[in-house]
Amino acid sequence: MNNFWEDKNVLITGGSGLLGSNLIKRLLELKTHRIVVLVRDYVPKSIFFSEGLCDKVTIVRGKIEDFSLIERALNEYEIDTVFHLAAQPIVTIANKSPLATFEANIRGTWNVLEACRLHKDNIKRILIASSDKAYGSQKELPYNETAPLQGEHPYDVSKSCVDLISQSYYKTYGLSIAITRCGNFYGPGDLNFNRIVPETIKNVLRNKRPLIRSDGNYIRDFIFIPDAVDGYLTIAENLHRDDIKGEAFNISTGNRLNILELVKLILKNMNSDLEPEILNEAKGEIKHQYLNGEKIKRILGWEPKHSIEESLQKTIEWYKNNI
């Protein structure tokens, strides 16, 4: 499907973030006809701006909470494909500012979906970024796509709502929607330094002890950002299929590491003898979360292409060159 994107008009919300920027780079390589990006803030060190991606796309400036802006962009640029990635993505920030998180994540989602409903004849595929956090805390691990959505804390609840609202727009209005539930992203270009991978690398580069806010035993599912992009595109390219529409897909590499193991792996790759400092002060976070990725493999043949050792090394090199 090398020429699939050559006649497509794509809208990406949250396009200046980590996932959005890497998705744009890939779509540019695939010679996508038109890429329209919703951008709220100017972040000069983000790869969207620092690597000049902003000069190769159409920028719509504004907030995902602005319904009329979204509707205008869909109409004026004759959009046929939507990647809804915009969100407040940080758990600790959500705990501090739940209303802003609900506005961006929940209102933002219904704005996008309602605008798509009004232009249903033109919109052929919609990918909605949910999260593994939408599952909340479950007794059975790894999570599969049939597990109930039962977020408890503000960020988790916002993603459960995103997921359920998206399902309702598929079931009620027949929109061509698929939902992605990914683990924790990491990779070159991530400037959210309260995430464990970039924060650890930054501290080691500055000869500071890495900080672990939990007790170190929290388990997470980590996915390299190029693999996540590949998963998104694989789903989007198959959204003409009836067995894909309305479905949710876990995108997972199976990298189930506790936080202490991950930090030690980064230290090893950076040849550092620093010892992590365990703060044990995490609150409002799920202790163990990881995904079953068999569904996307079985139905679409998608598998990650990078090992965690290879991807961490590429990530570390980027920060060495850019910090």
C-alpha atoms as a PDB file:
ATOM      1  CA  MET A   1       0.000   0.000   0.000  1.00  0.00           C
ATOM      2  CA  ASN A   2       2.899   2.336  -0.775  1.00  0.00           C
ATOM      3  CA  ASN A   3       0.674   4.805  -2.647  1.00  0.00           C
ATOM      4  CA  PHE A   4      -2.272   4.630  -0.242  1.00  0.00           C
ATOM      5  CA  TRP A   5      -1.735   8.121   1.192  1.00  0.00           C
ATOM      6  CA  GLU A   6      -0.946   9.982  -2.022  1.00  0.00           C
ATOM      7  CA  ASP A   7      -4.535  11.174  -2.536  1.00  0.00           C
ATOM      8  CA  LYS A   8      -5.519  11.567   1.126  1.00  0.00           C
ATOM      9  CA  ASN A   9      -6.312  14.752   3.054  1.00  0.00           C
ATOM     10  CA  VAL A  10      -5.376  14.124   6.682  1.00  0.00           C
ATOM     11  CA  LEU A  11      -6.186  16.107   9.829  1.00  0.00           C
ATOM     12  CA  ILE A  12      -4.011  15.420  12.873  1.00  0.00           C
ATOM     13  CA  THR A  13      -5.001  16.902  16.210  1.00  0.00           C
ATOM     14  CA  GLY A  14      -2.112  17.159  18.622  1.00  0.00           C
ATOM     15  CA  GLY A  15       0.261  17.045  15.694  1.00  0.00           C
ATOM     16  CA  SER A  16       3.075  18.894  17.438  1.00  0.00           C
ATOM     17  CA  GLY A  17       3.340  16.274  20.202  1.00  0.00           C
ATOM     18  CA  LEU A  18       5.578  13.222  20.264  1.00  0.00           C
ATOM     19  CA  LEU A  19       3.215  10.825  18.491  1.00  0.00           C
ATOM     20  CA  GLY A  20       1.815  13.473  16.149  1.00  0.00           C
ATOM     21  CA  SER A  21       5.224  14.709  15.005  1.00  0.00           C
ATOM     22  CA  ASN A  22       6.465  11.206  14.277  1.00  0.00           C
ATOM     23  CA  LEU A  23       3.227  10.394  12.456  1.00  0.00           C
ATOM     24  CA  ILE A  24       3.676  13.517  10.311  1.00  0.00           C
ATOM     25  CA  LYS A  25       7.236  12.506   9.419  1.00  0.00           C
ATOM     26  CA  ARG A  26       6.012   9.120   8.242  1.00  0.00           C
ATOM     27  CA  LEU A  27       3.078  10.549   6.279  1.00  0.00           C
ATOM     28  CA  LEU A  28       5.450  12.968   4.545  1.00  0.00           C
ATOM     29  CA  GLU A  29       7.631  10.013   3.554  1.00  0.00           C
ATOM     30  CA  LEU A  30       4.503   8.335   2.165  1.00  0.00           C
ATOM     31  CA  LYS A  31       3.793  11.449   0.053  1.00  0.00           C
ATOM     32  CA  THR A  32       0.439  12.215   1.647  1.00  0.00           C
ATOM     33  CA  HIS A  33      -1.477  14.712  -0.490  1.00  0.00           C
ATOM     34  CA  ARG A  34      -2.368  17.149   2.312  1.00  0.00           C
ATOM     35  CA  ILE A  35      -1.574  17.134   6.028  1.00  0.00           C
ATOM     36  CA  VAL A  36      -3.472  19.572   8.216  1.00  0.00           C
ATOM     37  CA  VAL A  37      -2.286  19.903  11.822  1.00  0.00           C
ATOM     38  CA  LEU A  38      -4.103  21.431  14.760  1.00  0.00           C
ATOM     39  CA  VAL A  39      -1.507  23.222  16.909  1.00  0.00           C
ATOM     40  CA  ARG A  40      -2.249  24.952  20.209  1.00  0.00           C
ATOM     41  CA  ASP A  41       1.182  26.105  21.416  1.00  0.00           C
ATOM     42  CA  TYR A  42       4.478  27.057  19.843  1.00  0.00           C
ATOM     43  CA  VAL A  43       7.097  24.786  21.411  1.00  0.00           C
ATOM     44  CA  PRO A  44      10.354  25.644  19.603  1.00  0.00           C
ATOM     45  CA  LYS A  45      12.327  22.610  20.831  1.00  0.00           C
ATOM     46  CA  SER A  46       9.669  20.119  19.725  1.00  0.00           C
ATOM     47  CA  ILE A  47      10.635  18.174  16.611  1.00  0.00           C
ATOM     48  CA  PHE A  48       7.535  19.566  14.873  1.00  0.00           C
ATOM     49  CA  PHE A  49       9.220  22.972  14.870  1.00  0.00           C
ATOM     50  CA  SER A  50      12.926  22.173  15.292  1.00  0.00           C
ATOM     51  CA  GLU A  51      12.990  19.741  12.351  1.00  0.00           C
ATOM     52  CA  GLY A  52      10.907  21.994  10.110  1.00  0.00           C
ATOM     53  CA  LEU A  53       7.844  19.762   9.899  1.00  0.00           C
ATOM     54  CA  CYS A  54       5.780  22.911  10.462  1.00  0.00           C
ATOM     55  CA  ASP A  55       6.899  24.192   7.046  1.00  0.00           C
ATOM     56  CA  LYS A  56       5.625  21.107   5.233  1.00  0.00           C
ATOM     57  CA  VAL A  57       2.055  20.981   6.531  1.00  0.00           C
ATOM     58  CA  THR A  58      -0.974  23.246   6.838  1.00  0.00           C
ATOM     59  CA  ILE A  59      -1.270  24.567  10.381  1.00  0.00           C
ATOM     60  CA  VAL A  60      -4.596  25.380  12.024  1.00  0.00           C
ATOM     61  CA  ARG A  61      -3.915  27.280  15.241  1.00  0.00           C
ATOM     62  CA  GLY A  62      -6.271  26.778  18.139  1.00  0.00           C
ATOM     63  CA  LYS A  63      -7.564  24.451  20.823  1.00  0.00           C
ATOM     64  CA  ILE A  64      -9.284  21.111  20.562  1.00  0.00           C
ATOM     65  CA  GLU A  65     -11.990  22.524  22.841  1.00  0.00           C
ATOM     66  CA  ASP A  66     -13.067  24.885  19.992  1.00  0.00           C
ATOM     67  CA  PHE A  67     -15.764  22.990  18.083  1.00  0.00           C
ATOM     68  CA  SER A  68     -16.230  25.552  15.301  1.00  0.00           C
ATOM     69  CA  LEU A  69     -12.500  25.495  14.566  1.00  0.00           C
ATOM     70  CA  ILE A  70     -12.481  21.710  14.141  1.00  0.00           C
ATOM     71  CA  GLU A  71     -15.587  21.763  11.982  1.00  0.00           C
ATOM     72  CA  ARG A  72     -14.153  24.514   9.775  1.00  0.00           C
ATOM     73  CA  ALA A  73     -10.882  22.648   9.255  1.00  0.00           C
ATOM     74  CA  LEU A  74     -12.676  19.448   8.237  1.00  0.00           C
ATOM     75  CA  ASN A  75     -14.813  21.341   5.749  1.00  0.00           C
ATOM     76  CA  GLU A  76     -12.327  23.776   4.202  1.00  0.00           C
ATOM     77  CA  TYR A  77      -9.549  21.238   3.696  1.00  0.00           C
ATOM     78  CA  GLU A  78     -11.863  18.429   2.531  1.00  0.00           C
ATOM     79  CA  ILE A  79     -10.499  16.048   5.131  1.00  0.00           C
ATOM     80  CA  ASP A  80     -11.059  12.324   4.601  1.00  0.00           C
ATOM     81  CA  THR A  81      -8.830  10.960   7.398  1.00  0.00           C
ATOM     82  CA  VAL A  82      -8.642  12.066  11.034  1.00  0.00           C
ATOM     83  CA  PHE A  83      -6.032  11.094  13.611  1.00  0.00           C
ATOM     84  CA  HIS A  84      -7.325  12.447  16.913  1.00  0.00           C
ATOM     85  CA  LEU A  85      -4.255  12.522  19.145  1.00  0.00           C
ATOM     86  CA  ALA A  86      -4.696  15.810  21.029  1.00  0.00           C
ATOM     87  CA  ALA A  87      -4.906  15.349  24.778  1.00  0.00           C
ATOM     88  CA  GLN A  88      -3.464  16.326  28.102  1.00  0.00           C
ATOM     89  CA  PRO A  89      -1.312  13.181  28.384  1.00  0.00           C
ATOM     90  CA  ILE A  90       0.383  13.345  31.792  1.00  0.00           C
ATOM     91  CA  VAL A  91      -1.099  11.513  34.778  1.00  0.00           C
ATOM     92  CA  THR A  92       0.442  13.776  37.427  1.00  0.00           C
ATOM     93  CA  ILE A  93      -0.818  16.918  35.681  1.00  0.00           C
ATOM     94  CA  ALA A  94      -4.295  15.378  35.435  1.00  0.00           C
ATOM     95  CA  ASN A  95      -4.271  14.752  39.179  1.00  0.00           C
ATOM     96  CA  LYS A  96      -3.367  18.390  39.795  1.00  0.00           C
ATOM     97  CA  SER A  97      -5.702  19.887  37.158  1.00  0.00           C
ATOM     98  CA  PRO A  98      -8.575  17.473  36.481  1.00  0.00           C
ATOM     99  CA  LEU A  99     -10.937  20.032  34.902  1.00  0.00           C
ATOM    100  CA  ALA A 100      -8.434  21.078  32.252  1.00  0.00           C
ATOM    101  CA  THR A 101      -7.746  17.422  31.521  1.00  0.00           C
ATOM    102  CA  PHE A 102     -11.459  16.635  31.194  1.00  0.00           C
ATOM    103  CA  GLU A 103     -11.966  19.637  28.899  1.00  0.00           C
ATOM    104  CA  ALA A 104      -9.118  18.682  26.570  1.00  0.00           C
ATOM    105  CA  ASN A 105      -9.578  14.929  26.575  1.00  0.00           C
ATOM    106  CA  ILE A 106     -13.346  14.483  26.798  1.00  0.00           C
ATOM    107  CA  ARG A 107     -14.785  17.663  25.258  1.00  0.00           C
ATOM    108  CA  GLY A 108     -12.016  17.576  22.663  1.00  0.00           C
ATOM    109  CA  THR A 109     -13.066  14.095  21.613  1.00  0.00           C
ATOM    110  CA  TRP A 110     -16.767  14.807  21.275  1.00  0.00           C
ATOM    111  CA  ASN A 111     -15.923  17.974  19.332  1.00  0.00           C
ATOM    112  CA  VAL A 112     -13.902  15.971  16.809  1.00  0.00           C
ATOM    113  CA  LEU A 113     -16.497  13.220  16.508  1.00  0.00           C
ATOM    114  CA  GLU A 114     -19.456  15.583  16.193  1.00  0.00           C
ATOM    115  CA  ALA A 115     -17.636  17.573  13.495  1.00  0.00           C
ATOM    116  CA  CYS A 116     -16.923  14.297  11.699  1.00  0.00           C
ATOM    117  CA  ARG A 117     -20.597  13.336  11.966  1.00  0.00           C
ATOM    118  CA  LEU A 118     -21.579  16.594  10.263  1.00  0.00           C
ATOM    119  CA  HIS A 119     -19.182  15.759   7.416  1.00  0.00           C
ATOM    120  CA  LYS A 120     -19.823  12.040   7.434  1.00  0.00           C
ATOM    121  CA  ASP A 121     -19.965  11.750   3.642  1.00  0.00           C
ATOM    122  CA  ASN A 122     -16.358  12.925   3.328  1.00  0.00           C
ATOM    123  CA  ILE A 123     -14.753  11.278   6.380  1.00  0.00           C
ATOM    124  CA  LYS A 124     -13.567   7.776   5.497  1.00  0.00           C
ATOM    125  CA  ARG A 125     -11.446   6.890   8.521  1.00  0.00           C
ATOM    126  CA  ILE A 126     -11.072   8.185  12.096  1.00  0.00           C
ATOM    127  CA  LEU A 127      -8.442   6.947  14.532  1.00  0.00           C
ATOM    128  CA  ILE A 128      -9.009   7.857  18.173  1.00  0.00           C
ATOM    129  CA  ALA A 129      -6.142   7.709  20.645  1.00  0.00           C
ATOM    130  CA  SER A 130      -7.356   6.119  23.834  1.00  0.00           C
ATOM    131  CA  SER A 131      -4.867   4.528  26.244  1.00  0.00           C
ATOM    132  CA  ASP A 132      -4.125   1.477  28.334  1.00  0.00           C
ATOM    133  CA  LYS A 133      -5.177   3.730  31.231  1.00  0.00           C
ATOM    134  CA  ALA A 134      -8.788   3.508  29.968  1.00  0.00           C
ATOM    135  CA  TYR A 135      -8.950  -0.013  31.433  1.00  0.00           C
ATOM    136  CA  GLY A 136      -8.290   1.246  34.930  1.00  0.00           C
ATOM    137  CA  SER A 137      -7.104  -1.325  37.451  1.00  0.00           C
ATOM    138  CA  GLN A 138      -7.919  -4.921  36.486  1.00  0.00           C
ATOM    139  CA  LYS A 139      -7.531  -8.215  38.296  1.00  0.00           C
ATOM    140  CA  GLU A 140      -6.641 -10.087  35.118  1.00  0.00           C
ATOM    141  CA  LEU A 141      -3.454  -9.151  33.258  1.00  0.00           C
ATOM    142  CA  PRO A 142      -2.481  -8.558  30.523  1.00  0.00           C
ATOM    143  CA  TYR A 143      -5.457  -6.445  29.461  1.00  0.00           C
ATOM    144  CA  ASN A 144      -7.257  -7.588  26.351  1.00  0.00           C
ATOM    145  CA  GLU A 145      -9.726  -5.500  24.362  1.00  0.00           C
ATOM    146  CA  THR A 146     -12.792  -7.087  25.961  1.00  0.00           C
ATOM    147  CA  ALA A 147     -11.834  -5.938  29.473  1.00  0.00           C
ATOM    148  CA  PRO A 148     -14.206  -3.336  30.976  1.00  0.00           C
ATOM    149  CA  LEU A 149     -13.253   0.330  30.854  1.00  0.00           C
ATOM    150  CA  GLN A 150     -13.164   1.399  34.477  1.00  0.00           C
ATOM    151  CA  GLY A 151     -10.797   4.286  35.034  1.00  0.00           C
ATOM    152  CA  GLU A 152     -10.783   5.671  38.575  1.00  0.00           C
ATOM    153  CA  HIS A 153      -8.317   8.575  38.642  1.00  0.00           C
ATOM    154  CA  PRO A 154      -8.766  11.741  36.507  1.00  0.00           C
ATOM    155  CA  TYR A 155      -6.538  10.813  33.553  1.00  0.00           C
ATOM    156  CA  ASP A 156      -7.776   7.217  33.480  1.00  0.00           C
ATOM    157  CA  VAL A 157     -11.406   8.348  33.640  1.00  0.00           C
ATOM    158  CA  SER A 158     -10.852  10.829  30.812  1.00  0.00           C
ATOM    159  CA  LYS A 159      -9.542   8.037  28.593  1.00  0.00           C
ATOM    160  CA  SER A 160     -12.383   5.674  29.527  1.00  0.00           C
ATOM    161  CA  CYS A 161     -14.765   8.445  28.447  1.00  0.00           C
ATOM    162  CA  VAL A 162     -12.862   9.047  25.199  1.00  0.00           C
ATOM    163  CA  ASP A 163     -13.177   5.363  24.411  1.00  0.00           C
ATOM    164  CA  LEU A 164     -16.890   5.084  25.237  1.00  0.00           C
ATOM    165  CA  ILE A 165     -17.855   8.275  23.397  1.00  0.00           C
ATOM    166  CA  SER A 166     -16.007   7.015  20.315  1.00  0.00           C
ATOM    167  CA  GLN A 167     -17.806   3.679  20.468  1.00  0.00           C
ATOM    168  CA  SER A 168     -21.152   5.490  20.722  1.00  0.00           C
ATOM    169  CA  TYR A 169     -20.445   7.506  17.553  1.00  0.00           C
ATOM    170  CA  TYR A 170     -19.644   4.310  15.699  1.00  0.00           C
ATOM    171  CA  LYS A 171     -22.679   2.390  16.950  1.00  0.00           C
ATOM    172  CA  THR A 172     -25.160   5.261  16.623  1.00  0.00           C
ATOM    173  CA  TYR A 173     -23.954   7.090  13.514  1.00  0.00           C
ATOM    174  CA  GLY A 174     -21.869   4.489  11.707  1.00  0.00           C
ATOM    175  CA  LEU A 175     -18.690   6.556  11.559  1.00  0.00           C
ATOM    176  CA  SER A 176     -15.619   4.652  10.393  1.00  0.00           C
ATOM    177  CA  ILE A 177     -13.844   4.714  13.736  1.00  0.00           C
ATOM    178  CA  ALA A 178     -11.092   2.623  15.263  1.00  0.00           C
ATOM    179  CA  ILE A 179      -9.655   3.112  18.729  1.00  0.00           C
ATOM    180  CA  THR A 180      -6.056   2.598  19.790  1.00  0.00           C
ATOM    181  CA  ARG A 181      -5.010   1.687  23.304  1.00  0.00           C
ATOM    182  CA  CYS A 182      -1.259   2.042  23.669  1.00  0.00           C
ATOM    183  CA  GLY A 183       1.144   1.680  26.519  1.00  0.00           C
ATOM    184  CA  ASN A 184       3.734   4.280  27.536  1.00  0.00           C
ATOM    185  CA  PHE A 185       5.401   6.004  24.582  1.00  0.00           C
ATOM    186  CA  TYR A 186       9.107   6.744  24.509  1.00  0.00           C
ATOM    187  CA  GLY A 187      11.556   7.731  21.816  1.00  0.00           C
ATOM    188  CA  PRO A 188      13.503  10.600  20.266  1.00  0.00           C
ATOM    189  CA  GLY A 189      11.858  13.990  20.621  1.00  0.00           C
ATOM    190  CA  ASP A 190       9.889  13.462  23.834  1.00  0.00           C
ATOM    191  CA  LEU A 191      10.082  16.727  25.796  1.00  0.00           C
ATOM    192  CA  ASN A 192       7.746  15.650  28.608  1.00  0.00           C
ATOM    193  CA  PHE A 193      10.513  15.289  31.161  1.00  0.00           C
ATOM    194  CA  ASN A 194       8.217  14.060  33.894  1.00  0.00           C
ATOM    195  CA  ARG A 195       8.019  10.805  31.935  1.00  0.00           C
ATOM    196  CA  ILE A 196      10.429   8.214  33.204  1.00  0.00           C
ATOM    197  CA  VAL A 197      12.508   7.641  30.042  1.00  0.00           C
ATOM    198  CA  PRO A 198      13.402  11.223  29.087  1.00  0.00           C
ATOM    199  CA  GLU A 199      13.764  12.305  32.718  1.00  0.00           C
ATOM    200  CA  THR A 200      16.148   9.448  33.490  1.00  0.00           C
ATOM    201  CA  ILE A 201      18.264  10.098  30.402  1.00  0.00           C
ATOM    202  CA  LYS A 202      18.411  13.844  31.147  1.00  0.00           C
ATOM    203  CA  ASN A 203      19.493  13.254  34.741  1.00  0.00           C
ATOM    204  CA  VAL A 204      22.211  10.800  33.730  1.00  0.00           C
ATOM    205  CA  LEU A 205      23.531  13.206  31.088  1.00  0.00           C
ATOM    206  CA  ARG A 206      23.789  15.818  33.861  1.00  0.00           C
ATOM    207  CA  ASN A 207      25.375  13.319  36.259  1.00  0.00           C
ATOM    208  CA  LYS A 208      22.372  13.393  38.582  1.00  0.00           C
ATOM    209  CA  ARG A 209      20.782  10.366  40.196  1.00  0.00           C
ATOM    210  CA  PRO A 210      17.638   9.201  38.348  1.00  0.00           C
ATOM    211  CA  LEU A 211      14.440   9.746  40.314  1.00  0.00           C
ATOM    212  CA  ILE A 212      11.736   7.100  40.708  1.00  0.00           C
ATOM    213  CA  ARG A 213       8.570   8.612  42.146  1.00  0.00           C
ATOM    214  CA  SER A 214       6.960   5.233  42.922  1.00  0.00           C
ATOM    215  CA  ASP A 215       8.470   2.357  44.865  1.00  0.00           C
ATOM    216  CA  GLY A 216      10.037   1.129  41.627  1.00  0.00           C
ATOM    217  CA  ASN A 217       7.769  -1.908  41.323  1.00  0.00           C
ATOM    218  CA  TYR A 218       5.037  -0.348  39.173  1.00  0.00           C
ATOM    219  CA  ILE A 219       4.816  -2.323  35.923  1.00  0.00           C
ATOM    220  CA  ARG A 220       4.192  -0.582  32.609  1.00  0.00           C
ATOM    221  CA  ASP A 221       3.986  -1.506  28.922  1.00  0.00           C
ATOM    222  CA  PHE A 222       6.516   0.588  26.971  1.00  0.00           C
ATOM    223  CA  ILE A 223       6.326   1.148  23.217  1.00  0.00           C
ATOM    224  CA  PHE A 224       8.876   2.830  20.931  1.00  0.00           C
ATOM    225  CA  ILE A 225       7.269   5.708  19.074  1.00  0.00           C
ATOM    226  CA  PRO A 226       8.097   4.516  15.493  1.00  0.00           C
ATOM    227  CA  ASP A 227       6.412   1.197  16.293  1.00  0.00           C
ATOM    228  CA  ALA A 228       3.330   3.048  17.564  1.00  0.00           C
ATOM    229  CA  VAL A 229       3.186   5.101  14.352  1.00  0.00           C
ATOM    230  CA  ASP A 230       3.403   1.941  12.292  1.00  0.00           C
ATOM    231  CA  GLY A 231       0.525   0.473  14.283  1.00  0.00           C
ATOM    232  CA  TYR A 232      -1.635   3.551  13.724  1.00  0.00           C
ATOM    233  CA  LEU A 233      -1.015   3.535   9.989  1.00  0.00           C
ATOM    234  CA  THR A 234      -1.698  -0.179   9.731  1.00  0.00           C
ATOM    235  CA  ILE A 235      -5.111   0.288  11.335  1.00  0.00           C
ATOM    236  CA  ALA A 236      -5.942   3.385   9.270  1.00  0.00           C
ATOM    237  CA  GLU A 237      -5.094   1.693   5.991  1.00  0.00           C
ATOM    238  CA  ASN A 238      -7.563  -1.074   6.810  1.00  0.00           C
ATOM    239  CA  LEU A 239     -10.492   1.000   8.054  1.00  0.00           C
ATOM    240  CA  HIS A 240     -12.470   0.234   4.903  1.00  0.00           C
ATOM    241  CA  ARG A 241     -12.953  -3.265   6.332  1.00  0.00           C
ATOM    242  CA  ASP A 242     -16.119  -4.009   8.273  1.00  0.00           C
ATOM    243  CA  ASP A 243     -14.192  -6.123  10.787  1.00  0.00           C
ATOM    244  CA  ILE A 244     -12.021  -3.119  11.673  1.00  0.00           C
ATOM    245  CA  LYS A 245     -14.678  -0.412  11.996  1.00  0.00           C
ATOM    246  CA  GLY A 246     -15.711   0.229  15.576  1.00  0.00           C
ATOM    247  CA  GLU A 247     -12.933  -1.950  16.963  1.00  0.00           C
ATOM    248  CA  ALA A 248     -10.368  -1.147  19.642  1.00  0.00           C
ATOM    249  CA  PHE A 249      -6.800  -2.381  19.301  1.00  0.00           C
ATOM    250  CA  ASN A 250      -4.075  -2.687  21.898  1.00  0.00           C
ATOM    251  CA  ILE A 251      -0.759  -1.603  20.405  1.00  0.00           C
ATOM    252  CA  SER A 252       1.884  -3.305  22.492  1.00  0.00           C
ATOM    253  CA  THR A 253       5.396  -4.665  22.167  1.00  0.00           C
ATOM    254  CA  GLY A 254       5.088  -6.810  25.263  1.00  0.00           C
ATOM    255  CA  ASN A 255       7.834  -4.815  27.024  1.00  0.00           C
ATOM    256  CA  ARG A 256       6.543  -5.370  30.546  1.00  0.00           C
ATOM    257  CA  LEU A 257       9.105  -3.825  32.833  1.00  0.00           C
ATOM    258  CA  ASN A 258       8.832  -2.421  36.281  1.00  0.00           C
ATOM    259  CA  ILE A 259      10.123   1.118  36.589  1.00  0.00           C
ATOM    260  CA  LEU A 260      13.276   0.151  38.453  1.00  0.00           C
ATOM    261  CA  GLU A 261      14.177  -2.417  35.772  1.00  0.00           C
ATOM    262  CA  LEU A 262      13.687   0.181  33.046  1.00  0.00           C
ATOM    263  CA  VAL A 263      15.836   2.768  34.821  1.00  0.00           C
ATOM    264  CA  LYS A 264      18.601   0.220  35.357  1.00  0.00           C
ATOM    265  CA  LEU A 265      18.445  -0.724  31.664  1.00  0.00           C
ATOM    266  CA  ILE A 266      18.884   2.939  30.699  1.00  0.00           C
ATOM    267  CA  LEU A 267      21.805   3.265  33.129  1.00  0.00           C
ATOM    268  CA  LYS A 268      23.429   0.183  31.618  1.00  0.00           C
ATOM    269  CA  ASN A 269      23.024   1.544  28.081  1.00  0.00           C
ATOM    270  CA  MET A 270      24.565   4.839  29.189  1.00  0.00           C
ATOM    271  CA  ASN A 271      27.469   3.129  31.005  1.00  0.00           C
ATOM    272  CA  SER A 272      26.501   4.918  34.205  1.00  0.00           C
ATOM    273  CA  ASP A 273      27.127   3.757  37.770  1.00  0.00           C
ATOM    274  CA  LEU A 274      24.619   6.212  39.255  1.00  0.00           C
ATOM    275  CA  GLU A 275      22.114   4.721  41.682  1.00  0.00           C
ATOM    276  CA  PRO A 276      18.403   5.534  41.294  1.00  0.00           C
ATOM    277  CA  GLU A 277      16.736   7.481  44.086  1.00  0.00           C
ATOM    278  CA  ILE A 278      13.411   5.862  45.001  1.00  0.00           C
ATOM    279  CA  LEU A 279      11.019   8.494  46.350  1.00  0.00           C
ATOM    280  CA  ASN A 280       8.008   6.215  46.864  1.00  0.00           C
ATOM    281  CA  GLU A 281       5.571   9.132  46.682  1.00  0.00           C
ATOM    282  CA  ALA A 282       3.358   8.209  43.699  1.00  0.00           C
ATOM    283  CA  LYS A 283      -0.370   8.693  44.275  1.00  0.00           C
ATOM    284  CA  GLY A 284      -3.408   8.240  42.085  1.00  0.00           C
ATOM    285  CA  GLU A 285      -1.671   5.826  39.717  1.00  0.00           C
ATOM    286  CA  ILE A 286      -2.402   2.219  38.783  1.00  0.00           C
ATOM    287  CA  LYS A 287       0.298  -0.140  40.008  1.00  0.00           C
ATOM    288  CA  HIS A 288       0.396  -2.814  37.269  1.00  0.00           C
ATOM    289  CA  GLN A 289      -0.624  -2.214  33.651  1.00  0.00           C
ATOM    290  CA  TYR A 290       0.328  -4.103  30.533  1.00  0.00           C
ATOM    291  CA  LEU A 291      -1.428  -5.131  27.352  1.00  0.00           C
ATOM    292  CA  ASN A 292      -2.230  -8.226  25.315  1.00  0.00           C
ATOM    293  CA  GLY A 293      -1.306  -7.361  21.726  1.00  0.00           C
ATOM    294  CA  GLU A 294      -2.536 -10.543  20.041  1.00  0.00           C
ATOM    295  CA  LYS A 295      -5.624  -9.002  18.411  1.00  0.00           C
ATOM    296  CA  ILE A 296      -3.800  -6.554  16.139  1.00  0.00           C
ATOM    297  CA  LYS A 297      -1.281  -9.264  15.258  1.00  0.00           C
ATOM    298  CA  ARG A 298      -3.993 -11.790  14.437  1.00  0.00           C
ATOM    299  CA  ILE A 299      -6.283  -9.497  12.434  1.00  0.00           C
ATOM    300  CA  LEU A 300      -3.831  -7.084  10.810  1.00  0.00           C
ATOM    301  CA  GLY A 301      -0.482  -8.850  11.021  1.00  0.00           C
ATOM    302  CA  TRP A 302       1.130  -5.962  12.891  1.00  0.00           C
ATOM    303  CA  GLU A 303       4.162  -6.575  15.071  1.00  0.00           C
ATOM    304  CA  PRO A 304       6.770  -4.196  16.505  1.00  0.00           C
ATOM    305  CA  LYS A 305      10.011  -3.925  14.579  1.00  0.00           C
ATOM    306  CA  HIS A 306      12.351  -2.741  17.343  1.00  0.00           C
ATOM    307  CA  SER A 307      13.752  -4.426  20.434  1.00  0.00           C
ATOM    308  CA  ILE A 308      13.793  -2.398  23.623  1.00  0.00           C
ATOM    309  CA  GLU A 309      17.605  -2.429  23.684  1.00  0.00           C
ATOM    310  CA  GLU A 310      17.830  -1.037  20.143  1.00  0.00           C
ATOM    311  CA  SER A 311      15.116   1.557  20.686  1.00  0.00           C
ATOM    312  CA  LEU A 312      16.544   2.772  24.003  1.00  0.00           C
ATOM    313  CA  GLN A 313      19.938   3.223  22.361  1.00  0.00           C
ATOM    314  CA  LYS A 314      18.410   5.313  19.563  1.00  0.00           C
ATOM    315  CA  THR A 315      16.524   7.351  22.134  1.00  0.00           C
ATOM    316  CA  ILE A 316      19.611   7.960  24.261  1.00  0.00           C
ATOM    317  CA  GLU A 317      21.593   9.092  21.207  1.00  0.00           C
ATOM    318  CA  TRP A 318      18.933  11.657  20.349  1.00  0.00           C
ATOM    319  CA  TYR A 319      19.070  13.200  23.817  1.00  0.00           C
ATOM    320  CA  LYS A 320      22.871  13.225  23.769  1.00  0.00           C
ATOM    321  CA  ASN A 321      22.732  15.258  20.567  1.00  0.00           C
ATOM    322  CA  ASN A 322      19.882  17.550  21.580  1.00  0.00           C
ATOM    323  CA  ILE A 323      20.329  18.326  25.290  1.00  0.00           C
END
